[in-house]
Structures are given as structure tokens and as C-alpha cells.
Protein backbone atom coordinates (compact mmCIF):
# COMPACT_ATOMS: atom_id res chain seq x y z
CA MET A 1 50.51 -29.60 -60.46
CA GLU A 2 53.18 -26.99 -59.72
CA ASN A 3 52.48 -27.28 -55.99
CA LYS A 4 52.74 -31.08 -56.11
CA THR A 5 56.01 -30.87 -58.00
CA LYS A 6 57.46 -28.56 -55.32
CA ILE A 7 56.26 -30.86 -52.53
CA ASP A 8 57.81 -33.87 -54.26
CA GLN A 9 61.09 -31.99 -54.65
CA LEU A 10 61.09 -31.10 -50.96
CA TYR A 11 60.34 -34.72 -50.10
CA GLU A 12 63.28 -36.00 -52.14
CA CYS A 13 65.62 -33.45 -50.59
CA LEU A 14 64.50 -34.04 -47.00
CA ASN A 15 64.38 -37.80 -47.34
CA ASN A 16 68.03 -37.87 -48.44
CA ASP A 17 69.40 -38.05 -44.85
CA LEU A 18 68.62 -34.44 -43.84
CA LEU A 19 65.70 -35.37 -41.57
CA TYR A 20 67.65 -38.30 -40.14
CA GLU A 21 70.69 -36.14 -39.37
CA ASN A 22 68.60 -33.46 -37.65
CA TYR A 23 66.09 -35.69 -35.90
CA SER A 24 67.33 -35.41 -32.32
CA GLU A 25 68.38 -31.77 -32.68
CA LEU A 26 69.17 -29.27 -35.39
CA THR A 27 72.82 -29.69 -36.32
CA GLU A 28 75.24 -26.82 -36.83
CA ASN A 29 75.92 -27.70 -40.47
CA THR A 30 72.46 -28.48 -41.88
CA GLY A 31 69.99 -27.62 -39.11
CA ASP A 32 68.71 -24.29 -40.40
CA LEU A 33 68.44 -25.59 -43.97
CA THR A 34 66.59 -28.71 -42.90
CA GLU A 35 64.18 -26.82 -40.68
CA GLY A 36 63.44 -24.36 -43.48
CA LEU A 37 62.73 -27.14 -45.96
CA ALA A 38 60.60 -29.04 -43.43
CA LEU A 39 58.52 -25.95 -42.69
CA GLN A 40 58.04 -25.36 -46.43
CA TYR A 41 56.78 -28.92 -46.78
CA VAL A 42 54.40 -28.55 -43.84
CA SER A 43 53.11 -25.25 -45.19
CA LEU A 44 52.48 -26.52 -48.74
CA ALA A 45 51.23 -30.09 -48.16
CA GLU A 46 47.54 -30.71 -47.59
CA THR A 47 48.06 -34.30 -46.45
CA ILE A 48 50.85 -36.42 -45.04
CA ARG A 49 49.14 -39.78 -45.48
CA ASP A 50 50.75 -40.36 -48.88
CA ARG A 51 54.21 -40.72 -47.31
CA GLU A 52 56.00 -43.45 -45.35
CA LEU A 53 55.41 -43.51 -41.60
CA LEU A 54 59.05 -42.81 -40.69
CA PHE A 55 59.16 -39.82 -43.03
CA VAL A 56 56.08 -38.40 -41.27
CA LYS A 57 57.68 -39.00 -37.87
CA ARG A 58 60.95 -37.37 -38.81
CA LEU A 59 59.33 -34.44 -40.61
CA THR A 60 57.03 -33.52 -37.72
CA LYS A 61 59.86 -33.94 -35.19
CA VAL A 62 62.33 -31.75 -37.08
CA ALA A 63 59.65 -29.12 -37.74
CA SER A 64 58.93 -29.01 -33.99
CA HIS A 65 62.43 -28.37 -32.62
CA ARG A 66 61.74 -24.63 -32.37
CA LEU A 67 57.99 -24.88 -32.04
CA LYS A 68 57.52 -21.59 -30.20
CA ASN A 69 58.95 -19.67 -33.15
CA HIS A 70 56.36 -20.91 -35.64
CA PRO A 71 53.15 -19.09 -36.66
CA ASP A 72 49.76 -20.49 -35.69
CA SER A 73 49.18 -21.82 -39.21
CA ILE A 74 52.24 -24.09 -38.92
CA LEU A 75 51.27 -25.24 -35.42
CA GLU A 76 47.79 -26.15 -36.64
CA LYS A 77 49.22 -28.07 -39.60
CA LEU A 78 51.69 -29.90 -37.33
CA PHE A 79 48.84 -30.83 -35.00
CA SER A 80 46.92 -32.23 -37.97
CA PHE A 81 49.94 -34.14 -39.28
CA ASN A 82 50.69 -35.62 -35.85
CA ILE A 83 47.11 -36.83 -35.50
CA ASP A 84 47.29 -38.28 -39.02
CA GLY A 85 50.58 -39.98 -38.15
CA ALA A 86 49.06 -41.58 -35.05
CA GLU A 87 46.12 -42.85 -37.07
CA MET A 88 48.46 -44.20 -39.77
CA CYS A 89 50.08 -46.43 -37.14
CA GLY A 90 46.91 -48.51 -36.94
CA LEU A 91 46.26 -48.85 -40.66
CA ARG A 92 48.61 -51.72 -41.52
CA ASP A 93 51.60 -53.82 -40.54
CA TYR A 94 54.82 -51.80 -40.83
CA SER A 95 57.21 -54.65 -40.03
CA GLU A 96 58.25 -54.77 -43.70
CA GLU A 97 59.57 -51.22 -43.21
CA GLY A 98 61.56 -52.31 -40.17
CA ILE A 99 59.01 -51.13 -37.58
CA PRO A 100 57.93 -53.93 -35.19
CA GLU A 101 54.41 -53.79 -33.76
CA GLY A 102 55.63 -52.64 -30.34
CA ASN A 103 57.67 -49.82 -31.84
CA CYS A 104 54.67 -48.77 -33.88
CA MET A 105 52.62 -48.38 -30.69
CA VAL A 106 55.36 -46.22 -29.17
CA ILE A 107 55.50 -44.08 -32.33
CA LYS A 108 51.72 -43.73 -32.14
CA GLY A 109 52.00 -42.52 -28.56
CA HIS A 110 54.68 -40.01 -29.51
CA PHE A 111 52.56 -38.64 -32.36
CA PHE A 112 49.67 -38.08 -29.93
CA SER A 113 52.00 -36.55 -27.34
CA HIS A 114 53.42 -34.05 -29.85
CA ALA A 115 49.89 -33.24 -31.04
CA GLY A 116 49.00 -32.47 -27.42
CA THR A 117 51.94 -30.07 -27.21
CA ASP A 118 50.96 -28.38 -30.49
CA ALA A 119 47.40 -27.92 -29.26
CA TYR A 120 48.59 -26.53 -25.92
CA HIS A 121 50.68 -23.83 -27.59
CA ILE A 122 47.76 -22.86 -29.83
CA TYR A 123 45.47 -22.79 -26.76
CA GLN A 124 47.85 -20.35 -25.06
CA ARG A 125 48.23 -18.14 -28.12
CA GLN A 126 44.57 -17.98 -29.07
CA ASP A 127 43.29 -16.41 -25.87
CA HIS A 128 42.89 -19.77 -24.11
CA ASP A 129 40.60 -21.23 -26.75
CA LEU A 130 38.74 -24.09 -25.05
CA GLY A 131 38.49 -26.09 -28.27
CA TRP A 132 42.28 -26.34 -28.38
CA ALA A 133 42.40 -27.10 -24.66
CA GLN A 134 40.13 -30.09 -25.26
CA ARG A 135 42.21 -31.21 -28.25
CA SER A 136 45.32 -31.06 -26.06
CA TYR A 137 43.57 -33.12 -23.37
CA ASP A 138 42.35 -35.71 -25.87
CA ALA A 139 45.75 -36.08 -27.55
CA ASN A 140 47.66 -36.45 -24.27
CA SER A 141 45.09 -38.91 -22.96
CA ARG A 142 45.41 -41.03 -26.11
CA ALA A 143 49.21 -40.81 -25.85
CA SER A 144 49.05 -42.14 -22.31
CA SER A 145 46.91 -45.09 -23.37
CA SER A 146 49.20 -45.91 -26.31
CA LEU A 147 52.36 -45.82 -24.20
CA ALA A 148 51.00 -47.53 -21.07
CA ASP A 149 52.33 -51.05 -21.66
CA LEU A 150 55.70 -50.32 -23.29
CA ARG A 151 56.70 -46.91 -21.88
CA PRO A 152 54.95 -46.59 -18.49
CA LEU A 153 56.94 -43.54 -17.39
CA GLU A 154 56.19 -41.65 -20.61
CA SER A 155 52.57 -42.72 -20.21
CA ALA A 156 52.59 -41.27 -16.70
CA ARG A 157 53.94 -37.94 -17.95
CA THR A 158 51.35 -37.60 -20.72
CA SER A 159 48.63 -38.58 -18.25
CA PHE A 160 49.81 -35.73 -16.01
CA PHE A 161 49.61 -33.22 -18.85
CA ALA A 162 46.15 -34.51 -19.79
CA ALA A 163 45.09 -33.96 -16.18
CA GLU A 164 46.49 -30.42 -16.24
CA MET A 165 44.38 -29.58 -19.29
CA ALA A 166 41.30 -31.18 -17.74
CA ARG A 167 41.75 -28.99 -14.66
CA LYS A 168 42.06 -25.88 -16.84
CA LEU A 169 38.85 -26.89 -18.60
CA TYR A 170 37.14 -27.29 -15.23
CA TYR A 171 38.21 -23.79 -14.17
CA ALA A 172 36.88 -22.39 -17.45
CA THR A 173 33.57 -24.29 -17.56
CA ASN A 174 32.83 -25.30 -13.96
CA ASN A 175 31.78 -28.66 -15.43
CA SER A 176 32.44 -31.39 -12.84
CA ILE A 177 33.13 -33.94 -15.59
CA TRP A 178 36.48 -32.24 -16.18
CA LEU A 179 37.26 -32.36 -12.46
CA LYS A 180 36.68 -36.13 -12.51
CA LYS A 181 38.91 -36.50 -15.59
CA ALA A 182 41.61 -34.42 -13.93
CA LYS A 183 41.53 -36.62 -10.81
CA ARG A 184 41.69 -39.78 -12.90
CA GLY A 185 44.63 -38.38 -14.90
CA TYR A 186 46.66 -37.34 -11.86
CA ILE A 187 46.15 -40.70 -10.15
CA SER A 188 47.06 -42.52 -13.35
CA ALA A 189 50.24 -40.42 -13.59
CA LEU A 190 51.27 -41.26 -10.03
CA ASN A 191 50.44 -44.95 -10.47
CA GLY A 192 52.37 -45.01 -13.73
CA ASP A 193 55.33 -43.41 -12.00
CA VAL A 194 55.47 -46.38 -9.61
CA ALA A 195 55.45 -48.80 -12.53
CA GLY A 196 58.01 -46.80 -14.48
CA SER A 197 60.79 -47.18 -11.84
CA GLY A 198 62.70 -44.24 -13.33
CA GLY A 199 60.45 -41.79 -11.56
CA LEU A 200 58.52 -38.70 -12.51
CA GLU A 201 60.22 -35.41 -11.84
CA ASP A 202 59.78 -34.31 -8.23
CA ASP A 203 57.95 -31.15 -9.23
CA LEU A 204 55.38 -33.14 -11.26
CA ILE A 205 54.73 -35.43 -8.28
CA GLU A 206 54.30 -32.40 -6.02
CA ARG A 207 51.99 -30.67 -8.50
CA ALA A 208 49.90 -33.82 -8.94
CA ASN A 209 49.48 -34.30 -5.20
CA ASN A 210 48.64 -30.61 -4.66
CA ALA A 211 46.06 -30.80 -7.44
CA LEU A 212 44.50 -33.92 -5.94
CA ARG A 213 44.26 -32.23 -2.54
CA TYR A 214 42.50 -29.29 -4.21
CA ILE A 215 40.15 -31.64 -6.07
CA GLY A 216 39.38 -33.51 -2.86
CA LYS A 217 38.51 -30.30 -1.03
CA LYS A 218 36.46 -29.06 -3.98
CA ARG A 219 34.42 -32.25 -4.20
CA GLN A 220 34.05 -32.34 -0.43
CA GLY A 221 32.74 -28.78 -0.49
CA ASN A 222 30.33 -29.68 -3.28
CA ARG A 223 29.00 -32.67 -1.34
CA GLY A 224 28.90 -30.81 1.92
CA ASN A 225 28.93 -34.07 3.86
CA GLY A 226 32.50 -34.26 5.16
CA GLY A 227 33.58 -36.90 2.65
CA ARG A 228 37.11 -37.97 1.83
CA SER A 229 39.59 -35.34 0.79
CA GLY A 230 40.73 -37.38 -2.16
CA ARG A 231 44.39 -36.96 -1.30
CA TYR A 232 46.71 -39.35 -3.08
CA ASN A 233 50.22 -38.88 -1.75
CA ARG A 234 52.58 -41.17 -3.62
CA ARG A 235 55.86 -41.13 -1.74
CA ARG A 236 59.16 -40.88 -3.53
CA ARG A 237 61.18 -44.08 -3.16
CA VAL A 238 64.65 -43.88 -1.59
CA ASP A 239 66.21 -45.32 -4.74
CA LYS A 240 66.30 -42.44 -7.24
CA ARG A 241 68.07 -44.27 -10.03
CA LYS A 242 68.43 -42.12 -13.10
CA ARG A 243 67.37 -43.47 -16.43
CA LYS A 244 67.84 -41.93 -19.86
CA ILE A 245 64.29 -41.59 -21.15
CA ASN A 246 63.68 -41.25 -24.89
CA LEU A 247 60.70 -38.94 -25.30
CA ASP A 248 60.93 -38.49 -29.07
């Protein structure tokens, strides 16, 4: 009961504009306080499903501003809460809370994307634990699917990161299934970049094309029959219009 009382007190304090004020970045006036309270909440709470969807979104976002500073236990809890948040998006209609269906799908994609980032940091810290590598792949892949129709450029980026994790899993396991998933992810990223009109970063395009050339050579070597290289060289359009992309 004491623990629940503390969690409820933290909820009331955070939900009184602190999370909203510090959502995009930690502010000079209340940033440290808000982050500290958010991390206390994450540490103490066993579930996030008893709260409103927007509270979950704001809490996990604020608690992730300085993600690299947090211990593994917090990262694991944030991963869990982000997955829970994504699953909450499909449980009911949130329009009564001011969240249209399309926005809910975008929020779902962002939850999965942040879960993928959480899992990636844990993978790096825990001696390249393959379980966390697969969780990062799965979360980014699900983010890409959720964002495909409404945020094609964001979908392309998460598809790229899913492909990167699939390629790491191939290196670690030598399982050709991961090589196929990596190829599919890179191609999806490049195709999504075309649809997104804003454009992937040049270095991501270069890395995707280099990876696809490697995959083509690897599969050609495995077949030993002089098959296609698998190269997929999406050219950068002349028009490099800049768009402000919201990746929250």
C-alpha cells in the first residue's frame, strides 16, 4: 500500500504539467526535477497500463532524454513500458481523449521505435546479448509497419535500424534467415525514403546500399552460381528539400 501511495503521489505531481513542459527536452527550470520524479515512477511501478495513454507517452519520453545515463534496470523497465504503451494503442478508441485514430497509430509506432532504442542500448551494455538484439529488431520492425502509411520517412528510418540489427544477428549466428530479413529491411528503408520525399540522411542511404552490396556478394558466394549481386542503389534526387521531421 505504501508503494502504491508513493506511485500515486508521483503521478499527481508529474501529471500537473511537468511532463508536458519537459516533453521535447528537459527545461532549465524543472528538467532535473521532472526527470528525477519520472525515473522514480519508472523504478517503483510494476505496470503502466493503469494510466492514460498520453501520460504513458510523456513519462517514457521524459525518462528517455538522457537514456545513456540510466542503469540497466531502468532501461529494461522503459523497454517494457514502451511495449505496453504500443499494445495499449490497440485496446480501445482514444478519440474521447483527443487522440484520433491516425495519431494513435503514430504514437504506437513511436512507442515501438523507442523500445527498439532501449533494447539496442541494453544489447550493447550486456556483452551483445542476442536476446536483446532480437527484441530491438522486432520493435523497430513493428515501428516501421505502424508508421508506414502516415509517416513513411520515419517508417523508412526504423526499417533501416531493424535491418542493422538483423545483420548483426546474422554475423553472430550465421543464420541466413537474418540475412534475408536484413535485405528486406534495407530495401524497405530505401523504398520508404522515396515515398517520404524529405529524404533519409545521406549516410543512411550509403550504409544501406553498402550493406545490400555485401549481402548480394554473400548470397552469391553461398550459391556459387554467379547470381545477381543484389545491389539496390537508390539515387538521391536533385531536390533535397528539408523538412522538419517529428520523431517523438
